[in-house]
Amino acid sequence: MEDAKAAQRTLEVFRSFDANGQGVIAKSDLLDVLKQMRADDQAVKTISSIPFDSIDYGILLRWLYDCSSGGYAVFVFFEVKKEFLAEFHKLMAVDARETRKEPGCLRFDLLQVAESDTKFCLYEVYQNEIAAKEHGKTGHYKQWNEFKTTKGGTVEGSYNKVTANPIDFQLFAKRERSAFGLEAYFVVFVSFEVKKEFLAEFHKLMAVDARETRKEPGCLRFDLLQVADSDTKFCLYEVYQNEIAAKEHGKTDHYKQWNEFKTTKGGTVEGSYKKVIISPLDFHG
């Protein structure tokens, strides 16, 4: 409870000198500011525990908001029976809108697999498992659940839920969605484990990779999540404007450093990797 209160106090202090949540600050500079503003010892300790030398403002705001309780993420792949498609679209338009209004919901993306009328993906992130359970009590979720179960509107797919800490969660989404037209997005879902002896290097490398990837004109989303109760297990959710943008990402120095870390250095244990070309049906901008 004290950690939660310290995180909230630190967040309030931080927002007082960075209303926009943009840019990068050295952790040492941030700690100096907090001490000058006479933040309490527990609040300073909260910042000190962040495993980066420099911190992206947006990431820090989200981290402070969530640091006292691990996030809860859901990755879902499923197929809708053709005779239920019209009902599905109406139902999910309501479900997406209302779910995003929930105080514990951080992200809700509904994606349609390209060149398929019936195959879809869901990426949902909640502040914690309690928030996810509260979501399960809502009228809009119950309608979706009834559609899946009682009515049998879907074909069984894959469902992965991860209690994960949002260590590098993209707080500020890009707003220029209309400029992308109706092109199919390119989405990557990754689960992997980092070898313990490479953890310090991994954190430094990914701090750069996340920051630089989000600067790419074709990148819409980049979330790095750490599985709760594990120092070594992580998930990635990446969304690019199209496959061309994803390939351009693969040419960057920051991606090459991450790829070298995985392959040449052998810094990771093999996990799952899913890439999907999808239509931006209901992307949480």
C-alpha atoms as a PDB file:
ATOM      1  CA  MET A   1       0.000   0.000   0.000  1.00  0.00           C
ATOM      2  CA  GLU A   2       2.862   2.360   0.806  1.00  0.00           C
ATOM      3  CA  ASP A   3       4.360   1.697  -2.642  1.00  0.00           C
ATOM      4  CA  ALA A   4       1.059   2.636  -4.278  1.00  0.00           C
ATOM      5  CA  LYS A   5       0.827   5.879  -2.289  1.00  0.00           C
ATOM      6  CA  ALA A   6       4.462   6.716  -3.100  1.00  0.00           C
ATOM      7  CA  ALA A   7       3.871   6.078  -6.791  1.00  0.00           C
ATOM      8  CA  GLN A   8       0.847   8.387  -6.755  1.00  0.00           C
ATOM      9  CA  ARG A   9       2.744  11.154  -4.937  1.00  0.00           C
ATOM     10  CA  THR A  10       5.681  10.817  -7.333  1.00  0.00           C
ATOM     11  CA  LEU A  11       3.322  10.928 -10.293  1.00  0.00           C
ATOM     12  CA  GLU A  12       1.739  14.138  -9.030  1.00  0.00           C
ATOM     13  CA  VAL A  13       5.169  15.738  -8.529  1.00  0.00           C
ATOM     14  CA  PHE A  14       6.331  14.625 -11.953  1.00  0.00           C
ATOM     15  CA  ARG A  15       3.234  15.922 -13.716  1.00  0.00           C
ATOM     16  CA  SER A  16       3.774  19.321 -12.115  1.00  0.00           C
ATOM     17  CA  PHE A  17       6.903  19.893 -14.187  1.00  0.00           C
ATOM     18  CA  ASP A  18       6.055  17.808 -17.256  1.00  0.00           C
ATOM     19  CA  ALA A  19       2.451  18.299 -18.309  1.00  0.00           C
ATOM     20  CA  ASN A  20       2.997  16.972 -21.831  1.00  0.00           C
ATOM     21  CA  GLY A  21       4.726  13.725 -20.987  1.00  0.00           C
ATOM     22  CA  GLN A  22       7.214  14.046 -23.846  1.00  0.00           C
ATOM     23  CA  GLY A  23      10.988  13.687 -24.122  1.00  0.00           C
ATOM     24  CA  VAL A  24      13.674  11.883 -22.135  1.00  0.00           C
ATOM     25  CA  ILE A  25      15.251  12.714 -18.792  1.00  0.00           C
ATOM     26  CA  ALA A  26      18.301  11.198 -17.057  1.00  0.00           C
ATOM     27  CA  LYS A  27      17.239   9.273 -13.975  1.00  0.00           C
ATOM     28  CA  SER A  28      19.865  11.074 -11.873  1.00  0.00           C
ATOM     29  CA  ASP A  29      18.447  14.459 -12.943  1.00  0.00           C
ATOM     30  CA  LEU A  30      14.939  13.334 -12.112  1.00  0.00           C
ATOM     31  CA  LEU A  31      16.017  12.181  -8.662  1.00  0.00           C
ATOM     32  CA  ASP A  32      17.694  15.562  -8.048  1.00  0.00           C
ATOM     33  CA  VAL A  33      14.467  17.362  -8.969  1.00  0.00           C
ATOM     34  CA  LEU A  34      12.412  15.149  -6.666  1.00  0.00           C
ATOM     35  CA  LYS A  35      14.821  15.799  -3.767  1.00  0.00           C
ATOM     36  CA  GLN A  36      14.745  19.553  -4.412  1.00  0.00           C
ATOM     37  CA  MET A  37      10.941  19.395  -4.299  1.00  0.00           C
ATOM     38  CA  ARG A  38      11.267  17.497  -1.010  1.00  0.00           C
ATOM     39  CA  ALA A  39       9.555  14.365  -2.211  1.00  0.00           C
ATOM     40  CA  ASP A  40       9.485  11.743   0.532  1.00  0.00           C
ATOM     41  CA  ASP A  41      12.040   8.927   0.741  1.00  0.00           C
ATOM     42  CA  GLN A  42       9.590   6.259  -0.423  1.00  0.00           C
ATOM     43  CA  ALA A  43       8.767   8.246  -3.573  1.00  0.00           C
ATOM     44  CA  VAL A  44      12.486   8.646  -4.359  1.00  0.00           C
ATOM     45  CA  LYS A  45      12.966   4.921  -3.772  1.00  0.00           C
ATOM     46  CA  THR A  46      10.194   4.217  -6.279  1.00  0.00           C
ATOM     47  CA  ILE A  47      12.041   6.140  -9.006  1.00  0.00           C
ATOM     48  CA  SER A  48      15.414   4.651  -8.023  1.00  0.00           C
ATOM     49  CA  SER A  49      14.107   1.141  -8.679  1.00  0.00           C
ATOM     50  CA  ILE A  50      13.512   1.835 -12.400  1.00  0.00           C
ATOM     51  CA  PRO A  51      16.162  -0.223 -14.272  1.00  0.00           C
ATOM     52  CA  PHE A  52      17.162   2.510 -16.762  1.00  0.00           C
ATOM     53  CA  ASP A  53      19.754   5.297 -16.722  1.00  0.00           C
ATOM     54  CA  SER A  54      17.479   7.585 -18.737  1.00  0.00           C
ATOM     55  CA  ILE A  55      13.702   7.520 -18.866  1.00  0.00           C
ATOM     56  CA  ASP A  56      11.137   8.378 -21.514  1.00  0.00           C
ATOM     57  CA  TYR A  57       8.562  10.736 -19.984  1.00  0.00           C
ATOM     58  CA  GLY A  58       5.576   8.843 -21.373  1.00  0.00           C
ATOM     59  CA  ILE A  59       6.896   5.497 -20.173  1.00  0.00           C
ATOM     60  CA  LEU A  60       7.618   6.920 -16.738  1.00  0.00           C
ATOM     61  CA  LEU A  61       4.116   8.303 -16.342  1.00  0.00           C
ATOM     62  CA  ARG A  62       2.607   4.941 -17.221  1.00  0.00           C
ATOM     63  CA  TRP A  63       5.128   3.045 -15.078  1.00  0.00           C
ATOM     64  CA  LEU A  64       4.363   5.209 -12.051  1.00  0.00           C
ATOM     65  CA  TYR A  65       0.656   4.769 -12.623  1.00  0.00           C
ATOM     66  CA  ASP A  66       0.950   0.987 -12.693  1.00  0.00           C
ATOM     67  CA  CYS A  67       4.100   0.113 -10.755  1.00  0.00           C
ATOM     68  CA  SER A  68       2.313  -0.947  -7.573  1.00  0.00           C
ATOM     69  CA  SER A  69       0.177  -3.560  -9.326  1.00  0.00           C
ATOM     70  CA  GLY A  70       1.161  -5.729 -12.283  1.00  0.00           C
ATOM     71  CA  GLY A  71      -0.745  -5.203 -15.501  1.00  0.00           C
ATOM     72  CA  TYR A  72      -2.964  -7.880 -16.995  1.00  0.00           C
ATOM     73  CA  ALA A  73      -2.716  -8.496 -20.734  1.00  0.00           C
ATOM     74  CA  VAL A  74      -4.790 -10.686 -23.045  1.00  0.00           C
ATOM     75  CA  PHE A  75      -3.865 -11.847 -26.575  1.00  0.00           C
ATOM     76  CA  VAL A  76      -6.750 -13.585 -28.398  1.00  0.00           C
ATOM     77  CA  PHE A  77      -7.072 -15.107 -31.887  1.00  0.00           C
ATOM     78  CA  PHE A  78     -10.523 -16.345 -32.920  1.00  0.00           C
ATOM     79  CA  GLU A  79     -12.863 -16.886 -35.861  1.00  0.00           C
ATOM     80  CA  VAL A  80     -16.499 -15.753 -36.124  1.00  0.00           C
ATOM     81  CA  LYS A  81     -19.064 -17.940 -37.882  1.00  0.00           C
ATOM     82  CA  LYS A  82     -20.203 -16.233 -41.088  1.00  0.00           C
ATOM     83  CA  GLU A  83     -23.884 -16.217 -40.149  1.00  0.00           C
ATOM     84  CA  PHE A  84     -23.026 -14.215 -37.000  1.00  0.00           C
ATOM     85  CA  LEU A  85     -20.766 -11.564 -38.591  1.00  0.00           C
ATOM     86  CA  ALA A  86     -23.290  -8.689 -38.686  1.00  0.00           C
ATOM     87  CA  GLU A  87     -24.214  -9.253 -35.034  1.00  0.00           C
ATOM     88  CA  PHE A  88     -20.521  -9.541 -34.093  1.00  0.00           C
ATOM     89  CA  HIS A  89     -19.627  -6.170 -35.603  1.00  0.00           C
ATOM     90  CA  LYS A  90     -22.492  -4.395 -33.834  1.00  0.00           C
ATOM     91  CA  LEU A  91     -21.682  -6.059 -30.531  1.00  0.00           C
ATOM     92  CA  MET A  92     -17.941  -5.332 -30.677  1.00  0.00           C
ATOM     93  CA  ALA A  93     -18.457  -1.675 -31.594  1.00  0.00           C
ATOM     94  CA  VAL A  94     -20.209  -1.311 -28.230  1.00  0.00           C
ATOM     95  CA  ASP A  95     -17.795  -3.588 -26.355  1.00  0.00           C
ATOM     96  CA  ALA A  96     -14.696  -1.694 -27.564  1.00  0.00           C
ATOM     97  CA  ARG A  97     -16.183   1.720 -26.776  1.00  0.00           C
ATOM     98  CA  GLU A  98     -17.440   0.798 -23.321  1.00  0.00           C
ATOM     99  CA  THR A  99     -14.384  -1.239 -22.310  1.00  0.00           C
ATOM    100  CA  ARG A 100     -12.109   1.752 -22.994  1.00  0.00           C
ATOM    101  CA  LYS A 101     -14.220   3.825 -20.619  1.00  0.00           C
ATOM    102  CA  GLU A 102     -13.402   1.477 -17.727  1.00  0.00           C
ATOM    103  CA  PRO A 103     -10.875   3.116 -15.351  1.00  0.00           C
ATOM    104  CA  GLY A 104      -8.767  -0.060 -15.269  1.00  0.00           C
ATOM    105  CA  CYS A 105      -8.514  -0.518 -19.050  1.00  0.00           C
ATOM    106  CA  LEU A 106      -5.240   0.666 -20.620  1.00  0.00           C
ATOM    107  CA  ARG A 107      -5.643  -0.757 -24.128  1.00  0.00           C
ATOM    108  CA  PHE A 108      -8.259  -2.490 -26.291  1.00  0.00           C
ATOM    109  CA  ASP A 109      -7.431  -3.316 -29.940  1.00  0.00           C
ATOM    110  CA  LEU A 110      -9.744  -5.320 -32.189  1.00  0.00           C
ATOM    111  CA  LEU A 111      -7.939  -6.368 -35.373  1.00  0.00           C
ATOM    112  CA  GLN A 112      -9.237  -8.248 -38.400  1.00  0.00           C
ATOM    113  CA  VAL A 113      -6.893 -10.605 -40.228  1.00  0.00           C
ATOM    114  CA  ALA A 114      -6.288  -9.307 -43.751  1.00  0.00           C
ATOM    115  CA  GLU A 115      -8.089 -11.106 -46.586  1.00  0.00           C
ATOM    116  CA  SER A 116     -10.474 -12.767 -44.146  1.00  0.00           C
ATOM    117  CA  ASP A 117     -13.979 -11.684 -43.179  1.00  0.00           C
ATOM    118  CA  THR A 118     -14.117 -14.012 -40.198  1.00  0.00           C
ATOM    119  CA  LYS A 119     -10.720 -14.089 -38.422  1.00  0.00           C
ATOM    120  CA  PHE A 120      -9.873 -11.556 -35.698  1.00  0.00           C
ATOM    121  CA  CYS A 121      -7.344 -10.710 -32.969  1.00  0.00           C
ATOM    122  CA  LEU A 122      -7.804  -8.932 -29.634  1.00  0.00           C
ATOM    123  CA  TYR A 123      -5.114  -7.224 -27.555  1.00  0.00           C
ATOM    124  CA  GLU A 124      -6.396  -6.065 -24.165  1.00  0.00           C
ATOM    125  CA  VAL A 125      -4.406  -4.556 -21.290  1.00  0.00           C
ATOM    126  CA  TYR A 126      -5.827  -3.830 -17.838  1.00  0.00           C
ATOM    127  CA  GLN A 127      -4.192  -2.130 -14.867  1.00  0.00           C
ATOM    128  CA  ASN A 128      -4.272  -5.385 -12.913  1.00  0.00           C
ATOM    129  CA  GLU A 129      -6.167  -8.656 -12.586  1.00  0.00           C
ATOM    130  CA  ILE A 130      -8.771  -7.007 -10.375  1.00  0.00           C
ATOM    131  CA  ALA A 131      -9.569  -4.553 -13.190  1.00  0.00           C
ATOM    132  CA  ALA A 132      -9.815  -7.459 -15.629  1.00  0.00           C
ATOM    133  CA  LYS A 133     -12.278  -9.224 -13.320  1.00  0.00           C
ATOM    134  CA  GLU A 134     -14.321  -6.010 -13.011  1.00  0.00           C
ATOM    135  CA  HIS A 135     -14.422  -5.915 -16.823  1.00  0.00           C
ATOM    136  CA  GLY A 136     -15.888  -9.427 -16.721  1.00  0.00           C
ATOM    137  CA  LYS A 137     -18.824  -8.145 -14.649  1.00  0.00           C
ATOM    138  CA  THR A 138     -19.884  -5.452 -17.145  1.00  0.00           C
ATOM    139  CA  GLY A 139     -22.947  -5.680 -19.344  1.00  0.00           C
ATOM    140  CA  HIS A 140     -20.935  -5.241 -22.549  1.00  0.00           C
ATOM    141  CA  TYR A 141     -18.568  -8.103 -21.671  1.00  0.00           C
ATOM    142  CA  LYS A 142     -21.471 -10.389 -20.718  1.00  0.00           C
ATOM    143  CA  GLN A 143     -23.045  -9.769 -24.134  1.00  0.00           C
ATOM    144  CA  TRP A 144     -19.776 -10.720 -25.836  1.00  0.00           C
ATOM    145  CA  ASN A 145     -19.411 -13.805 -23.635  1.00  0.00           C
ATOM    146  CA  GLU A 146     -22.981 -14.870 -24.378  1.00  0.00           C
ATOM    147  CA  PHE A 147     -22.290 -14.415 -28.093  1.00  0.00           C
ATOM    148  CA  LYS A 148     -19.253 -16.738 -27.823  1.00  0.00           C
ATOM    149  CA  THR A 149     -20.744 -19.379 -25.542  1.00  0.00           C
ATOM    150  CA  THR A 150     -24.550 -19.584 -25.473  1.00  0.00           C
ATOM    151  CA  LYS A 151     -25.012 -18.548 -29.116  1.00  0.00           C
ATOM    152  CA  GLY A 152     -21.861 -20.265 -30.328  1.00  0.00           C
ATOM    153  CA  GLY A 153     -20.937 -17.322 -32.553  1.00  0.00           C
ATOM    154  CA  THR A 154     -17.202 -18.080 -32.638  1.00  0.00           C
ATOM    155  CA  VAL A 155     -14.940 -20.943 -33.622  1.00  0.00           C
ATOM    156  CA  GLU A 156     -12.482 -21.806 -30.855  1.00  0.00           C
ATOM    157  CA  GLY A 157      -9.142 -20.032 -31.257  1.00  0.00           C
ATOM    158  CA  SER A 158      -6.126 -19.296 -29.063  1.00  0.00           C
ATOM    159  CA  TYR A 159      -6.348 -17.342 -25.808  1.00  0.00           C
ATOM    160  CA  ASN A 160      -3.275 -16.176 -23.921  1.00  0.00           C
ATOM    161  CA  LYS A 161      -3.550 -14.164 -20.731  1.00  0.00           C
ATOM    162  CA  VAL A 162      -0.449 -12.773 -19.094  1.00  0.00           C
ATOM    163  CA  THR A 163      -0.200 -11.044 -15.737  1.00  0.00           C
ATOM    164  CA  ALA A 164       2.464  -8.602 -16.882  1.00  0.00           C
ATOM    165  CA  ASN A 165       4.110  -5.438 -15.618  1.00  0.00           C
ATOM    166  CA  PRO A 166       3.961  -2.678 -18.261  1.00  0.00           C
ATOM    167  CA  ILE A 167       7.663  -1.827 -18.009  1.00  0.00           C
ATOM    168  CA  ASP A 168       7.659  -0.056 -21.370  1.00  0.00           C
ATOM    169  CA  PHE A 169       4.042   0.668 -22.228  1.00  0.00           C
ATOM    170  CA  GLN A 170       3.338   3.225 -24.950  1.00  0.00           C
ATOM    171  CA  LEU A 171       1.295   5.849 -23.146  1.00  0.00           C
ATOM    172  CA  PHE A 172       0.793   8.310 -25.999  1.00  0.00           C
ATOM    173  CA  ALA A 173      -0.632   6.760 -29.172  1.00  0.00           C
ATOM    174  CA  LYS A 174      -0.156   8.326 -32.586  1.00  0.00           C
ATOM    175  CA  ARG A 175      -3.210  10.283 -33.640  1.00  0.00           C
ATOM    176  CA  GLU A 176      -2.728  10.514 -37.405  1.00  0.00           C
ATOM    177  CA  ARG A 177      -4.733   7.350 -38.052  1.00  0.00           C
ATOM    178  CA  SER A 178      -6.722   8.772 -40.960  1.00  0.00           C
ATOM    179  CA  ALA A 179      -3.516   9.399 -42.872  1.00  0.00           C
ATOM    180  CA  PHE A 180      -2.946   5.662 -43.056  1.00  0.00           C
ATOM    181  CA  GLY A 181      -6.102   5.024 -45.058  1.00  0.00           C
ATOM    182  CA  LEU A 182      -7.321   1.436 -45.176  1.00  0.00           C
ATOM    183  CA  GLU A 183      -3.947  -0.263 -45.530  1.00  0.00           C
ATOM    184  CA  ALA A 184      -3.477  -3.523 -43.665  1.00  0.00           C
ATOM    185  CA  TYR A 185      -1.453  -3.159 -40.495  1.00  0.00           C
ATOM    186  CA  PHE A 186       1.395  -5.548 -39.679  1.00  0.00           C
ATOM    187  CA  VAL A 187       1.188  -6.872 -36.120  1.00  0.00           C
ATOM    188  CA  VAL A 188       3.728  -8.878 -34.123  1.00  0.00           C
ATOM    189  CA  PHE A 189       2.948 -10.808 -30.910  1.00  0.00           C
ATOM    190  CA  VAL A 190       6.078 -12.176 -29.199  1.00  0.00           C
ATOM    191  CA  SER A 191       6.673 -14.083 -25.947  1.00  0.00           C
ATOM    192  CA  PHE A 192      10.242 -14.855 -24.908  1.00  0.00           C
ATOM    193  CA  GLU A 193      12.610 -15.374 -21.995  1.00  0.00           C
ATOM    194  CA  VAL A 194      15.917 -13.578 -21.405  1.00  0.00           C
ATOM    195  CA  LYS A 195      18.857 -15.466 -19.915  1.00  0.00           C
ATOM    196  CA  LYS A 196      19.603 -14.114 -16.443  1.00  0.00           C
ATOM    197  CA  GLU A 197      23.194 -13.190 -17.219  1.00  0.00           C
ATOM    198  CA  PHE A 198      21.974 -10.921 -20.041  1.00  0.00           C
ATOM    199  CA  LEU A 199      19.215  -9.060 -18.134  1.00  0.00           C
ATOM    200  CA  ALA A 200      21.097  -5.805 -17.490  1.00  0.00           C
ATOM    201  CA  GLU A 201      22.147  -5.578 -21.130  1.00  0.00           C
ATOM    202  CA  PHE A 202      18.600  -6.433 -22.261  1.00  0.00           C
ATOM    203  CA  HIS A 203      17.044  -3.581 -20.255  1.00  0.00           C
ATOM    204  CA  LYS A 204      19.493  -1.023 -21.621  1.00  0.00           C
ATOM    205  CA  LEU A 205      19.083  -2.275 -25.172  1.00  0.00           C
ATOM    206  CA  MET A 206      15.278  -2.315 -25.066  1.00  0.00           C
ATOM    207  CA  ALA A 207      15.064   1.179 -23.574  1.00  0.00           C
ATOM    208  CA  VAL A 208      16.738   2.403 -26.766  1.00  0.00           C
ATOM    209  CA  ASP A 209      14.842   0.029 -29.074  1.00  0.00           C
ATOM    210  CA  ALA A 210      11.424   1.073 -27.728  1.00  0.00           C
ATOM    211  CA  ARG A 211      12.192   4.787 -27.907  1.00  0.00           C
ATOM    212  CA  GLU A 212      13.673   4.672 -31.413  1.00  0.00           C
ATOM    213  CA  THR A 213      11.074   2.275 -32.832  1.00  0.00           C
ATOM    214  CA  ARG A 214       8.246   4.613 -31.806  1.00  0.00           C
ATOM    215  CA  LYS A 215       9.930   7.427 -33.719  1.00  0.00           C
ATOM    216  CA  GLU A 216       9.647   5.465 -36.963  1.00  0.00           C
ATOM    217  CA  PRO A 217       6.888   6.966 -39.170  1.00  0.00           C
ATOM    218  CA  GLY A 218       5.433   3.524 -39.828  1.00  0.00           C
ATOM    219  CA  CYS A 219       5.269   2.372 -36.180  1.00  0.00           C
ATOM    220  CA  LEU A 220       1.860   2.730 -34.496  1.00  0.00           C
ATOM    221  CA  ARG A 221       2.464   0.782 -31.290  1.00  0.00           C
ATOM    222  CA  PHE A 222       5.314  -0.776 -29.324  1.00  0.00           C
ATOM    223  CA  ASP A 223       4.606  -2.339 -25.913  1.00  0.00           C
ATOM    224  CA  LEU A 224       7.116  -4.318 -23.862  1.00  0.00           C
ATOM    225  CA  LEU A 225       5.540  -6.226 -20.980  1.00  0.00           C
ATOM    226  CA  GLN A 226       7.274  -8.201 -18.241  1.00  0.00           C
ATOM    227  CA  VAL A 227       5.493 -11.278 -16.933  1.00  0.00           C
ATOM    228  CA  ALA A 228       4.648 -10.822 -13.258  1.00  0.00           C
ATOM    229  CA  ASP A 229       6.675 -12.780 -10.708  1.00  0.00           C
ATOM    230  CA  SER A 230       9.426 -13.333 -13.271  1.00  0.00           C
ATOM    231  CA  ASP A 231      12.580 -11.321 -13.903  1.00  0.00           C
ATOM    232  CA  THR A 232      13.228 -13.035 -17.222  1.00  0.00           C
ATOM    233  CA  LYS A 233       9.944 -13.523 -19.133  1.00  0.00           C
ATOM    234  CA  PHE A 234       8.599 -10.820 -21.461  1.00  0.00           C
ATOM    235  CA  CYS A 235       6.029 -10.106 -24.173  1.00  0.00           C
ATOM    236  CA  LEU A 236       6.106  -7.695 -27.114  1.00  0.00           C
ATOM    237  CA  TYR A 237       3.171  -6.205 -29.011  1.00  0.00           C
ATOM    238  CA  GLU A 238       4.205  -4.250 -32.116  1.00  0.00           C
ATOM    239  CA  VAL A 239       1.984  -2.621 -34.758  1.00  0.00           C
ATOM    240  CA  TYR A 240       3.281  -1.163 -38.018  1.00  0.00           C
ATOM    241  CA  GLN A 241       1.438   0.744 -40.722  1.00  0.00           C
ATOM    242  CA  ASN A 242       2.038  -2.087 -43.184  1.00  0.00           C
ATOM    243  CA  GLU A 243       4.524  -4.845 -44.011  1.00  0.00           C
ATOM    244  CA  ILE A 244       6.801  -2.365 -45.798  1.00  0.00           C
ATOM    245  CA  ALA A 245       7.086  -0.326 -42.576  1.00  0.00           C
ATOM    246  CA  ALA A 246       7.866  -3.520 -40.642  1.00  0.00           C
ATOM    247  CA  LYS A 247      10.645  -4.360 -43.111  1.00  0.00           C
ATOM    248  CA  GLU A 248      12.044  -0.822 -42.782  1.00  0.00           C
ATOM    249  CA  HIS A 249      12.081  -1.347 -39.021  1.00  0.00           C
ATOM    250  CA  GLY A 250      14.189  -4.451 -39.630  1.00  0.00           C
ATOM    251  CA  LYS A 251      16.856  -2.296 -41.329  1.00  0.00           C
ATOM    252  CA  THR A 252      17.344   0.072 -38.379  1.00  0.00           C
ATOM    253  CA  ASP A 253      20.365  -0.015 -36.101  1.00  0.00           C
ATOM    254  CA  HIS A 254      18.250  -0.403 -32.974  1.00  0.00           C
ATOM    255  CA  TYR A 255      16.506  -3.478 -34.392  1.00  0.00           C
ATOM    256  CA  LYS A 256      19.823  -4.949 -35.568  1.00  0.00           C
ATOM    257  CA  GLN A 257      21.210  -4.579 -32.027  1.00  0.00           C
ATOM    258  CA  TRP A 258      18.158  -6.413 -30.630  1.00  0.00           C
ATOM    259  CA  ASN A 259      18.439  -9.107 -33.305  1.00  0.00           C
ATOM    260  CA  GLU A 260      22.157  -9.557 -32.577  1.00  0.00           C
ATOM    261  CA  PHE A 261      21.351  -9.834 -28.878  1.00  0.00           C
ATOM    262  CA  LYS A 262      18.853 -12.646 -29.652  1.00  0.00           C
ATOM    263  CA  THR A 263      20.874 -14.523 -32.233  1.00  0.00           C
ATOM    264  CA  THR A 264      24.636 -13.971 -32.183  1.00  0.00           C
ATOM    265  CA  LYS A 265      24.865 -13.446 -28.422  1.00  0.00           C
ATOM    266  CA  GLY A 266      22.109 -15.937 -27.624  1.00  0.00           C
ATOM    267  CA  GLY A 267      20.606 -13.633 -25.013  1.00  0.00           C
ATOM    268  CA  THR A 268      17.107 -15.123 -25.195  1.00  0.00           C
ATOM    269  CA  VAL A 269      15.453 -18.494 -24.758  1.00  0.00           C
ATOM    270  CA  GLU A 270      13.229 -19.361 -27.723  1.00  0.00           C
ATOM    271  CA  GLY A 271       9.607 -18.319 -27.240  1.00  0.00           C
ATOM    272  CA  SER A 272       6.528 -17.835 -29.430  1.00  0.00           C
ATOM    273  CA  TYR A 273       6.381 -15.444 -32.379  1.00  0.00           C
ATOM    274  CA  LYS A 274       3.224 -14.578 -34.312  1.00  0.00           C
ATOM    275  CA  LYS A 275       3.051 -12.066 -37.130  1.00  0.00           C
ATOM    276  CA  VAL A 276      -0.288 -11.107 -38.663  1.00  0.00           C
ATOM    277  CA  ILE A 277      -1.230  -8.738 -41.463  1.00  0.00           C
ATOM    278  CA  ILE A 278      -4.487  -7.239 -40.229  1.00  0.00           C
ATOM    279  CA  SER A 279      -7.044  -4.559 -41.026  1.00  0.00           C
ATOM    280  CA  PRO A 280      -7.299  -1.733 -38.449  1.00  0.00           C
ATOM    281  CA  LEU A 281     -10.878  -2.579 -37.562  1.00  0.00           C
ATOM    282  CA  ASP A 282     -11.013  -0.905 -34.142  1.00  0.00           C
ATOM    283  CA  PHE A 283      -7.548   0.295 -33.168  1.00  0.00           C
ATOM    284  CA  HIS A 284      -7.274   2.135 -29.850  1.00  0.00           C
ATOM    285  CA  GLY A 285      -5.813   5.475 -30.980  1.00  0.00           C
END
